Amino acid sequence: MNVKPFVGVGVNYTTFFKEKLYTGGPADLDIDDSVGVAGHIGIDIPFTPRDSFRIDARYMDIKPDVSLNGDDLGEVDISPWVYGVAFVKTF
């Protein structure tokens, strides 16, 4: 059976809720929603006609605007790389 590489590009939408900042006093932290590009790359390694082992990496462009107590702090670059392994079952 052949190893099957794949690649994908899409849109990532991230929303934040229940933001908290532990400062010992009152703090009003606000993180805006973020829209950015997302990428996905990996390989599927089949071991039966319907079952595969997957190794992949995803990138998400997450750069929200942040404010604290009403003061604009600017843009924060979170943008993680996420790595995974999985069992894939095709139906």
PDB file of N, CA and C in Angstrom:
ATOM      1  N   MET A   1       0.832  -1.185   0.000  1.00  0.00           N
ATOM      2  CA  MET A   1       0.000   0.000   0.000  1.00  0.00           C
ATOM      3  C   MET A   1       0.871   1.242   0.000  1.00  0.00           C
ATOM      4  N   ASN A   2       0.408   2.268  -0.651  1.00  0.00           N
ATOM      5  CA  ASN A   2       1.194   3.493  -0.831  1.00  0.00           C
ATOM      6  C   ASN A   2       0.965   4.493   0.289  1.00  0.00           C
ATOM      7  N   VAL A   3       2.030   5.161   0.684  1.00  0.00           N
ATOM      8  CA  VAL A   3       1.923   6.291   1.603  1.00  0.00           C
ATOM      9  C   VAL A   3       1.249   7.423   0.835  1.00  0.00           C
ATOM     10  N   LYS A   4       0.294   8.103   1.483  1.00  0.00           N
ATOM     11  CA  LYS A   4      -0.463   9.163   0.810  1.00  0.00           C
ATOM     12  C   LYS A   4      -0.189  10.518   1.480  1.00  0.00           C
ATOM     13  N   PRO A   5       0.642  11.345   0.852  1.00  0.00           N
ATOM     14  CA  PRO A   5       0.859  12.694   1.396  1.00  0.00           C
ATOM     15  C   PRO A   5      -0.340  13.593   1.072  1.00  0.00           C
ATOM     16  N   PHE A   6      -0.544  14.602   1.897  1.00  0.00           N
ATOM     17  CA  PHE A   6      -1.619  15.559   1.625  1.00  0.00           C
ATOM     18  C   PHE A   6      -1.213  16.939   2.102  1.00  0.00           C
ATOM     19  N   VAL A   7      -1.856  17.930   1.523  1.00  0.00           N
ATOM     20  CA  VAL A   7      -1.630  19.321   1.901  1.00  0.00           C
ATOM     21  C   VAL A   7      -2.960  20.059   1.751  1.00  0.00           C
ATOM     22  N   GLY A   8      -3.202  21.020   2.613  1.00  0.00           N
ATOM     23  CA  GLY A   8      -4.433  21.795   2.539  1.00  0.00           C
ATOM     24  C   GLY A   8      -4.210  23.217   3.008  1.00  0.00           C
ATOM     25  N   VAL A   9      -5.012  24.120   2.483  1.00  0.00           N
ATOM     26  CA  VAL A   9      -4.977  25.529   2.874  1.00  0.00           C
ATOM     27  C   VAL A   9      -6.410  25.977   3.080  1.00  0.00           C
ATOM     28  N   GLY A  10      -6.644  26.758   4.119  1.00  0.00           N
ATOM     29  CA  GLY A  10      -7.994  27.223   4.395  1.00  0.00           C
ATOM     30  C   GLY A  10      -7.980  28.482   5.236  1.00  0.00           C
ATOM     31  N   VAL A  11      -9.120  28.750   5.856  1.00  0.00           N
ATOM     32  CA  VAL A  11      -9.300  29.937   6.685  1.00  0.00           C
ATOM     33  C   VAL A  11      -9.499  29.489   8.129  1.00  0.00           C
ATOM     34  N   ASN A  12      -8.843  30.171   9.048  1.00  0.00           N
ATOM     35  CA  ASN A  12      -9.006  29.908  10.475  1.00  0.00           C
ATOM     36  C   ASN A  12      -9.738  31.089  11.109  1.00  0.00           C
ATOM     37  N   TYR A  13     -10.805  30.796  11.858  1.00  0.00           N
ATOM     38  CA  TYR A  13     -11.515  31.812  12.641  1.00  0.00           C
ATOM     39  C   TYR A  13     -11.395  31.403  14.107  1.00  0.00           C
ATOM     40  N   THR A  14     -10.856  32.290  14.916  1.00  0.00           N
ATOM     41  CA  THR A  14     -10.699  32.008  16.341  1.00  0.00           C
ATOM     42  C   THR A  14     -11.445  33.062  17.143  1.00  0.00           C
ATOM     43  N   THR A  15     -12.250  32.603  18.087  1.00  0.00           N
ATOM     44  CA  THR A  15     -12.936  33.510  18.996  1.00  0.00           C
ATOM     45  C   THR A  15     -12.487  33.199  20.417  1.00  0.00           C
ATOM     46  N   PHE A  16     -12.375  34.216  21.227  1.00  0.00           N
ATOM     47  CA  PHE A  16     -11.930  34.070  22.601  1.00  0.00           C
ATOM     48  C   PHE A  16     -13.085  34.436  23.525  1.00  0.00           C
ATOM     49  N   PHE A  17     -13.227  33.713  24.618  1.00  0.00           N
ATOM     50  CA  PHE A  17     -14.263  34.031  25.587  1.00  0.00           C
ATOM     51  C   PHE A  17     -13.752  33.695  26.985  1.00  0.00           C
ATOM     52  N   LYS A  18     -14.347  34.344  27.972  1.00  0.00           N
ATOM     53  CA  LYS A  18     -13.950  34.181  29.367  1.00  0.00           C
ATOM     54  C   LYS A  18     -12.468  34.491  29.578  1.00  0.00           C
ATOM     55  N   GLU A  19     -11.976  35.543  28.916  1.00  0.00           N
ATOM     56  CA  GLU A  19     -10.585  35.954  29.091  1.00  0.00           C
ATOM     57  C   GLU A  19     -10.386  36.409  30.533  1.00  0.00           C
ATOM     58  N   LYS A  20      -9.297  35.972  31.128  1.00  0.00           N
ATOM     59  CA  LYS A  20      -8.985  36.368  32.503  1.00  0.00           C
ATOM     60  C   LYS A  20      -7.506  36.683  32.622  1.00  0.00           C
ATOM     61  N   LEU A  21      -7.224  37.647  33.462  1.00  0.00           N
ATOM     62  CA  LEU A  21      -5.849  38.007  33.768  1.00  0.00           C
ATOM     63  C   LEU A  21      -5.744  38.064  35.291  1.00  0.00           C
ATOM     64  N   TYR A  22      -4.895  37.247  35.843  1.00  0.00           N
ATOM     65  CA  TYR A  22      -4.764  37.161  37.298  1.00  0.00           C
ATOM     66  C   TYR A  22      -3.650  38.102  37.756  1.00  0.00           C
ATOM     67  N   THR A  23      -4.073  39.268  38.251  1.00  0.00           N
ATOM     68  CA  THR A  23      -3.115  40.297  38.670  1.00  0.00           C
ATOM     69  C   THR A  23      -3.212  40.606  40.155  1.00  0.00           C
ATOM     70  N   GLY A  24      -4.152  39.979  40.848  1.00  0.00           N
ATOM     71  CA  GLY A  24      -4.359  40.292  42.256  1.00  0.00           C
ATOM     72  C   GLY A  24      -5.358  41.421  42.453  1.00  0.00           C
ATOM     73  N   GLY A  25      -5.742  42.076  41.361  1.00  0.00           N
ATOM     74  CA  GLY A  25      -6.724  43.155  41.405  1.00  0.00           C
ATOM     75  C   GLY A  25      -7.614  43.075  40.186  1.00  0.00           C
ATOM     76  N   PRO A  26      -8.544  44.020  40.061  1.00  0.00           N
ATOM     77  CA  PRO A  26      -9.440  43.986  38.904  1.00  0.00           C
ATOM     78  C   PRO A  26      -8.695  44.273  37.593  1.00  0.00           C
ATOM     79  N   ALA A  27      -9.033  43.497  36.583  1.00  0.00           N
ATOM     80  CA  ALA A  27      -8.423  43.689  35.262  1.00  0.00           C
ATOM     81  C   ALA A  27      -9.449  43.293  34.213  1.00  0.00           C
ATOM     82  N   ASP A  28      -9.674  44.170  33.243  1.00  0.00           N
ATOM     83  CA  ASP A  28     -10.616  43.904  32.159  1.00  0.00           C
ATOM     84  C   ASP A  28      -9.816  43.598  30.892  1.00  0.00           C
ATOM     85  N   LEU A  29      -9.612  42.308  30.627  1.00  0.00           N
ATOM     86  CA  LEU A  29      -8.869  41.864  29.453  1.00  0.00           C
ATOM     87  C   LEU A  29      -9.844  41.562  28.332  1.00  0.00           C
ATOM     88  N   ASP A  30      -9.586  42.100  27.143  1.00  0.00           N
ATOM     89  CA  ASP A  30     -10.438  41.844  25.980  1.00  0.00           C
ATOM     90  C   ASP A  30      -9.560  41.409  24.804  1.00  0.00           C
ATOM     91  N   ILE A  31      -9.859  40.233  24.259  1.00  0.00           N
ATOM     92  CA  ILE A  31      -9.133  39.714  23.100  1.00  0.00           C
ATOM     93  C   ILE A  31     -10.135  39.581  21.960  1.00  0.00           C
ATOM     94  N   ASP A  32      -9.887  40.313  20.862  1.00  0.00           N
ATOM     95  CA  ASP A  32     -10.799  40.296  19.715  1.00  0.00           C
ATOM     96  C   ASP A  32     -10.710  38.975  18.961  1.00  0.00           C
ATOM     97  N   ASP A  33     -11.767  38.682  18.184  1.00  0.00           N
ATOM     98  CA  ASP A  33     -11.744  37.522  17.301  1.00  0.00           C
ATOM     99  C   ASP A  33     -10.658  37.707  16.249  1.00  0.00           C
ATOM    100  N   SER A  34     -10.221  36.598  15.658  1.00  0.00           N
ATOM    101  CA  SER A  34      -9.145  36.639  14.671  1.00  0.00           C
ATOM    102  C   SER A  34      -9.504  35.773  13.470  1.00  0.00           C
ATOM    103  N   VAL A  35      -9.199  36.280  12.282  1.00  0.00           N
ATOM    104  CA  VAL A  35      -9.371  35.517  11.040  1.00  0.00           C
ATOM    105  C   VAL A  35      -8.024  35.498  10.333  1.00  0.00           C
ATOM    106  N   GLY A  36      -7.610  34.315   9.901  1.00  0.00           N
ATOM    107  CA  GLY A  36      -6.320  34.203   9.227  1.00  0.00           C
ATOM    108  C   GLY A  36      -6.236  32.927   8.416  1.00  0.00           C
ATOM    109  N   VAL A  37      -5.107  32.741   7.793  1.00  0.00           N
ATOM    110  CA  VAL A  37      -4.880  31.565   6.959  1.00  0.00           C
ATOM    111  C   VAL A  37      -4.571  30.361   7.855  1.00  0.00           C
ATOM    112  N   ALA A  38      -4.912  29.180   7.359  1.00  0.00           N
ATOM    113  CA  ALA A  38      -4.584  27.931   8.050  1.00  0.00           C
ATOM    114  C   ALA A  38      -3.982  26.974   7.030  1.00  0.00           C
ATOM    115  N   GLY A  39      -3.004  26.215   7.452  1.00  0.00           N
ATOM    116  CA  GLY A  39      -2.374  25.243   6.573  1.00  0.00           C
ATOM    117  C   GLY A  39      -2.296  23.882   7.246  1.00  0.00           C
ATOM    118  N   HIS A  40      -2.332  22.840   6.445  1.00  0.00           N
ATOM    119  CA  HIS A  40      -2.319  21.463   6.961  1.00  0.00           C
ATOM    120  C   HIS A  40      -1.485  20.619   6.012  1.00  0.00           C
ATOM    121  N   ILE A  41      -0.543  19.868   6.557  1.00  0.00           N
ATOM    122  CA  ILE A  41       0.302  18.998   5.744  1.00  0.00           C
ATOM    123  C   ILE A  41       0.541  17.707   6.528  1.00  0.00           C
ATOM    124  N   GLY A  42       0.623  16.596   5.801  1.00  0.00           N
ATOM    125  CA  GLY A  42       0.871  15.343   6.496  1.00  0.00           C
ATOM    126  C   GLY A  42       0.955  14.162   5.552  1.00  0.00           C
ATOM    127  N   ILE A  43       1.017  12.979   6.165  1.00  0.00           N
ATOM    128  CA  ILE A  43       1.016  11.739   5.389  1.00  0.00           C
ATOM    129  C   ILE A  43       0.098  10.734   6.074  1.00  0.00           C
ATOM    130  N   ASP A  44      -0.586   9.953   5.250  1.00  0.00           N
ATOM    131  CA  ASP A  44      -1.354   8.811   5.716  1.00  0.00           C
ATOM    132  C   ASP A  44      -0.592   7.560   5.316  1.00  0.00           C
ATOM    133  N   ILE A  45      -0.363   6.682   6.285  1.00  0.00           N
ATOM    134  CA  ILE A  45       0.357   5.437   6.039  1.00  0.00           C
ATOM    135  C   ILE A  45      -0.648   4.299   6.208  1.00  0.00           C
ATOM    136  N   PRO A  46      -1.170   3.750   5.089  1.00  0.00           N
ATOM    137  CA  PRO A  46      -2.181   2.701   5.205  1.00  0.00           C
ATOM    138  C   PRO A  46      -1.587   1.376   5.688  1.00  0.00           C
ATOM    139  N   PHE A  47      -2.360   0.667   6.507  1.00  0.00           N
ATOM    140  CA  PHE A  47      -1.951  -0.671   6.887  1.00  0.00           C
ATOM    141  C   PHE A  47      -3.037  -1.698   6.582  1.00  0.00           C
ATOM    142  N   THR A  48      -4.237  -1.258   6.191  1.00  0.00           N
ATOM    143  CA  THR A  48      -5.274  -2.081   5.565  1.00  0.00           C
ATOM    144  C   THR A  48      -5.929  -1.185   4.521  1.00  0.00           C
ATOM    145  N   PRO A  49      -6.774  -1.722   3.641  1.00  0.00           N
ATOM    146  CA  PRO A  49      -7.415  -0.854   2.639  1.00  0.00           C
ATOM    147  C   PRO A  49      -8.244   0.290   3.228  1.00  0.00           C
ATOM    148  N   ARG A  50      -8.727   0.158   4.480  1.00  0.00           N
ATOM    149  CA  ARG A  50      -9.584   1.191   5.062  1.00  0.00           C
ATOM    150  C   ARG A  50      -8.995   1.851   6.310  1.00  0.00           C
ATOM    151  N   ASP A  51      -7.835   1.418   6.757  1.00  0.00           N
ATOM    152  CA  ASP A  51      -7.229   1.947   7.983  1.00  0.00           C
ATOM    153  C   ASP A  51      -5.847   2.518   7.689  1.00  0.00           C
ATOM    154  N   SER A  52      -5.581   3.682   8.305  1.00  0.00           N
ATOM    155  CA  SER A  52      -4.283   4.346   8.113  1.00  0.00           C
ATOM    156  C   SER A  52      -3.800   4.940   9.421  1.00  0.00           C
ATOM    157  N   PHE A  53      -2.510   5.169   9.469  1.00  0.00           N
ATOM    158  CA  PHE A  53      -1.862   5.899  10.545  1.00  0.00           C
ATOM    159  C   PHE A  53      -1.485   7.255   9.952  1.00  0.00           C
ATOM    160  N   ARG A  54      -1.844   8.349  10.620  1.00  0.00           N
ATOM    161  CA  ARG A  54      -1.598   9.703  10.096  1.00  0.00           C
ATOM    162  C   ARG A  54      -0.608  10.456  10.970  1.00  0.00           C
ATOM    163  N   ILE A  55       0.314  11.143  10.308  1.00  0.00           N
ATOM    164  CA  ILE A  55       1.229  12.079  10.953  1.00  0.00           C
ATOM    165  C   ILE A  55       1.016  13.416  10.249  1.00  0.00           C
ATOM    166  N   ASP A  56       0.729  14.472  11.024  1.00  0.00           N
ATOM    167  CA  ASP A  56       0.423  15.743  10.369  1.00  0.00           C
ATOM    168  C   ASP A  56       0.879  16.941  11.188  1.00  0.00           C
ATOM    169  N   ALA A  57       0.881  18.092  10.530  1.00  0.00           N
ATOM    170  CA  ALA A  57       1.199  19.377  11.157  1.00  0.00           C
ATOM    171  C   ALA A  57       0.230  20.416  10.620  1.00  0.00           C
ATOM    172  N   ARG A  58      -0.220  21.280  11.513  1.00  0.00           N
ATOM    173  CA  ARG A  58      -1.144  22.360  11.136  1.00  0.00           C
ATOM    174  C   ARG A  58      -0.582  23.690  11.636  1.00  0.00           C
ATOM    175  N   TYR A  59      -0.793  24.708  10.829  1.00  0.00           N
ATOM    176  CA  TYR A  59      -0.406  26.067  11.212  1.00  0.00           C
ATOM    177  C   TYR A  59      -1.656  26.930  11.164  1.00  0.00           C
ATOM    178  N   MET A  60      -1.852  27.764  12.180  1.00  0.00           N
ATOM    179  CA  MET A  60      -2.989  28.680  12.213  1.00  0.00           C
ATOM    180  C   MET A  60      -2.492  30.092  12.482  1.00  0.00           C
ATOM    181  N   ASP A  61      -2.833  31.017  11.604  1.00  0.00           N
ATOM    182  CA  ASP A  61      -2.457  32.421  11.733  1.00  0.00           C
ATOM    183  C   ASP A  61      -3.461  33.090  12.673  1.00  0.00           C
ATOM    184  N   ILE A  62      -3.076  33.275  13.942  1.00  0.00           N
ATOM    185  CA  ILE A  62      -3.955  33.869  14.948  1.00  0.00           C
ATOM    186  C   ILE A  62      -3.263  35.119  15.492  1.00  0.00           C
ATOM    187  N   LYS A  63      -3.805  36.282  15.126  1.00  0.00           N
ATOM    188  CA  LYS A  63      -3.213  37.557  15.544  1.00  0.00           C
ATOM    189  C   LYS A  63      -4.317  38.520  15.980  1.00  0.00           C
ATOM    190  N   PRO A  64      -4.870  38.314  17.176  1.00  0.00           N
ATOM    191  CA  PRO A  64      -5.951  39.187  17.636  1.00  0.00           C
ATOM    192  C   PRO A  64      -5.427  40.503  18.224  1.00  0.00           C
ATOM    193  N   ASP A  65      -6.297  41.511  18.203  1.00  0.00           N
ATOM    194  CA  ASP A  65      -6.028  42.760  18.908  1.00  0.00           C
ATOM    195  C   ASP A  65      -6.418  42.552  20.369  1.00  0.00           C
ATOM    196  N   VAL A  66      -5.643  43.133  21.275  1.00  0.00           N
ATOM    197  CA  VAL A  66      -5.856  42.945  22.713  1.00  0.00           C
ATOM    198  C   VAL A  66      -5.927  44.306  23.394  1.00  0.00           C
ATOM    199  N   SER A  67      -6.848  44.398  24.367  1.00  0.00           N
ATOM    200  CA  SER A  67      -6.898  45.607  25.192  1.00  0.00           C
ATOM    201  C   SER A  67      -6.999  45.201  26.663  1.00  0.00           C
ATOM    202  N   LEU A  68      -6.477  46.054  27.518  1.00  0.00           N
ATOM    203  CA  LEU A  68      -6.504  45.825  28.958  1.00  0.00           C
ATOM    204  C   LEU A  68      -7.028  47.072  29.628  1.00  0.00           C
ATOM    205  N   ASN A  69      -8.122  46.919  30.373  1.00  0.00           N
ATOM    206  CA  ASN A  69      -8.779  48.039  31.055  1.00  0.00           C
ATOM    207  C   ASN A  69      -9.092  49.174  30.086  1.00  0.00           C
ATOM    208  N   GLY A  70      -9.461  48.810  28.851  1.00  0.00           N
ATOM    209  CA  GLY A  70      -9.827  49.799  27.840  1.00  0.00           C
ATOM    210  C   GLY A  70      -8.666  50.369  27.051  1.00  0.00           C
ATOM    211  N   ASP A  71      -7.448  50.074  27.448  1.00  0.00           N
ATOM    212  CA  ASP A  71      -6.263  50.566  26.736  1.00  0.00           C
ATOM    213  C   ASP A  71      -5.832  49.543  25.685  1.00  0.00           C
ATOM    214  N   ASP A  72      -5.659  50.021  24.448  1.00  0.00           N
ATOM    215  CA  ASP A  72      -5.247  49.138  23.350  1.00  0.00           C
ATOM    216  C   ASP A  72      -3.790  48.721  23.540  1.00  0.00           C
ATOM    217  N   LEU A  73      -3.559  47.400  23.587  1.00  0.00           N
ATOM    218  CA  LEU A  73      -2.194  46.881  23.714  1.00  0.00           C
ATOM    219  C   LEU A  73      -1.607  46.479  22.370  1.00  0.00           C
ATOM    220  N   GLY A  74      -2.435  46.489  21.328  1.00  0.00           N
ATOM    221  CA  GLY A  74      -1.970  46.143  19.993  1.00  0.00           C
ATOM    222  C   GLY A  74      -2.283  44.699  19.643  1.00  0.00           C
ATOM    223  N   GLU A  75      -1.592  44.224  18.641  1.00  0.00           N
ATOM    224  CA  GLU A  75      -1.813  42.882  18.115  1.00  0.00           C
ATOM    225  C   GLU A  75      -0.885  41.881  18.813  1.00  0.00           C
ATOM    226  N   VAL A  76      -1.440  40.700  19.124  1.00  0.00           N
ATOM    227  CA  VAL A  76      -0.658  39.635  19.744  1.00  0.00           C
ATOM    228  C   VAL A  76      -0.561  38.483  18.742  1.00  0.00           C
ATOM    229  N   ASP A  77       0.659  38.041  18.477  1.00  0.00           N
ATOM    230  CA  ASP A  77       0.875  36.940  17.532  1.00  0.00           C
ATOM    231  C   ASP A  77       0.928  35.623  18.310  1.00  0.00           C
ATOM    232  N   ILE A  78      -0.156  34.834  18.191  1.00  0.00           N
ATOM    233  CA  ILE A  78      -0.220  33.526  18.844  1.00  0.00           C
ATOM    234  C   ILE A  78       0.241  32.453  17.853  1.00  0.00           C
ATOM    235  N   SER A  79      -0.364  32.392  16.697  1.00  0.00           N
ATOM    236  CA  SER A  79       0.009  31.575  15.534  1.00  0.00           C
ATOM    237  C   SER A  79       0.733  30.255  15.842  1.00  0.00           C
ATOM    238  N   PRO A  80       0.014  29.261  16.355  1.00  0.00           N
ATOM    239  CA  PRO A  80       0.687  28.015  16.727  1.00  0.00           C
ATOM    240  C   PRO A  80       0.910  27.048  15.561  1.00  0.00           C
ATOM    241  N   TRP A  81       1.892  26.205  15.732  1.00  0.00           N
ATOM    242  CA  TRP A  81       2.059  24.988  14.945  1.00  0.00           C
ATOM    243  C   TRP A  81       1.524  23.872  15.841  1.00  0.00           C
ATOM    244  N   VAL A  82       0.673  23.014  15.298  1.00  0.00           N
ATOM    245  CA  VAL A  82       0.095  21.904  16.047  1.00  0.00           C
ATOM    246  C   VAL A  82       0.461  20.612  15.326  1.00  0.00           C
ATOM    247  N   TYR A  83       1.039  19.666  16.057  1.00  0.00           N
ATOM    248  CA  TYR A  83       1.484  18.399  15.476  1.00  0.00           C
ATOM    249  C   TYR A  83       0.603  17.275  15.995  1.00  0.00           C
ATOM    250  N   GLY A  84       0.346  16.292  15.141  1.00  0.00           N
ATOM    251  CA  GLY A  84      -0.520  15.214  15.584  1.00  0.00           C
ATOM    252  C   GLY A  84      -0.190  13.872  14.960  1.00  0.00           C
ATOM    253  N   VAL A  85      -0.674  12.860  15.628  1.00  0.00           N
ATOM    254  CA  VAL A  85      -0.680  11.497  15.113  1.00  0.00           C
ATOM    255  C   VAL A  85      -2.084  10.966  15.336  1.00  0.00           C
ATOM    256  N   ALA A  86      -2.573  10.160  14.414  1.00  0.00           N
ATOM    257  CA  ALA A  86      -3.952   9.690  14.526  1.00  0.00           C
ATOM    258  C   ALA A  86      -4.130   8.359  13.806  1.00  0.00           C
ATOM    259  N   PHE A  87      -5.184   7.669  14.207  1.00  0.00           N
ATOM    260  CA  PHE A  87      -5.674   6.506  13.493  1.00  0.00           C
ATOM    261  C   PHE A  87      -6.810   6.994  12.608  1.00  0.00           C
ATOM    262  N   VAL A  88      -6.790   6.635  11.304  1.00  0.00           N
ATOM    263  CA  VAL A  88      -7.808   7.094  10.360  1.00  0.00           C
ATOM    264  C   VAL A  88      -8.562   5.877   9.832  1.00  0.00           C
ATOM    265  N   LYS A  89      -9.896   5.921   9.918  1.00  0.00           N
ATOM    266  CA  LYS A  89     -10.756   4.844   9.419  1.00  0.00           C
ATOM    267  C   LYS A  89     -11.613   5.415   8.301  1.00  0.00           C
ATOM    268  N   THR A  90     -11.538   4.833   7.123  1.00  0.00           N
ATOM    269  CA  THR A  90     -12.329   5.274   5.974  1.00  0.00           C
ATOM    270  C   THR A  90     -13.596   4.428   5.893  1.00  0.00           C
ATOM    271  N   PHE A  91     -14.732   5.089   5.700  1.00  0.00           N
ATOM    272  CA  PHE A  91     -16.020   4.378   5.585  1.00  0.00           C
ATOM    273  C   PHE A  91     -16.544   4.435   4.183  1.00  0.00           C
TER     274      PHE A  91
END
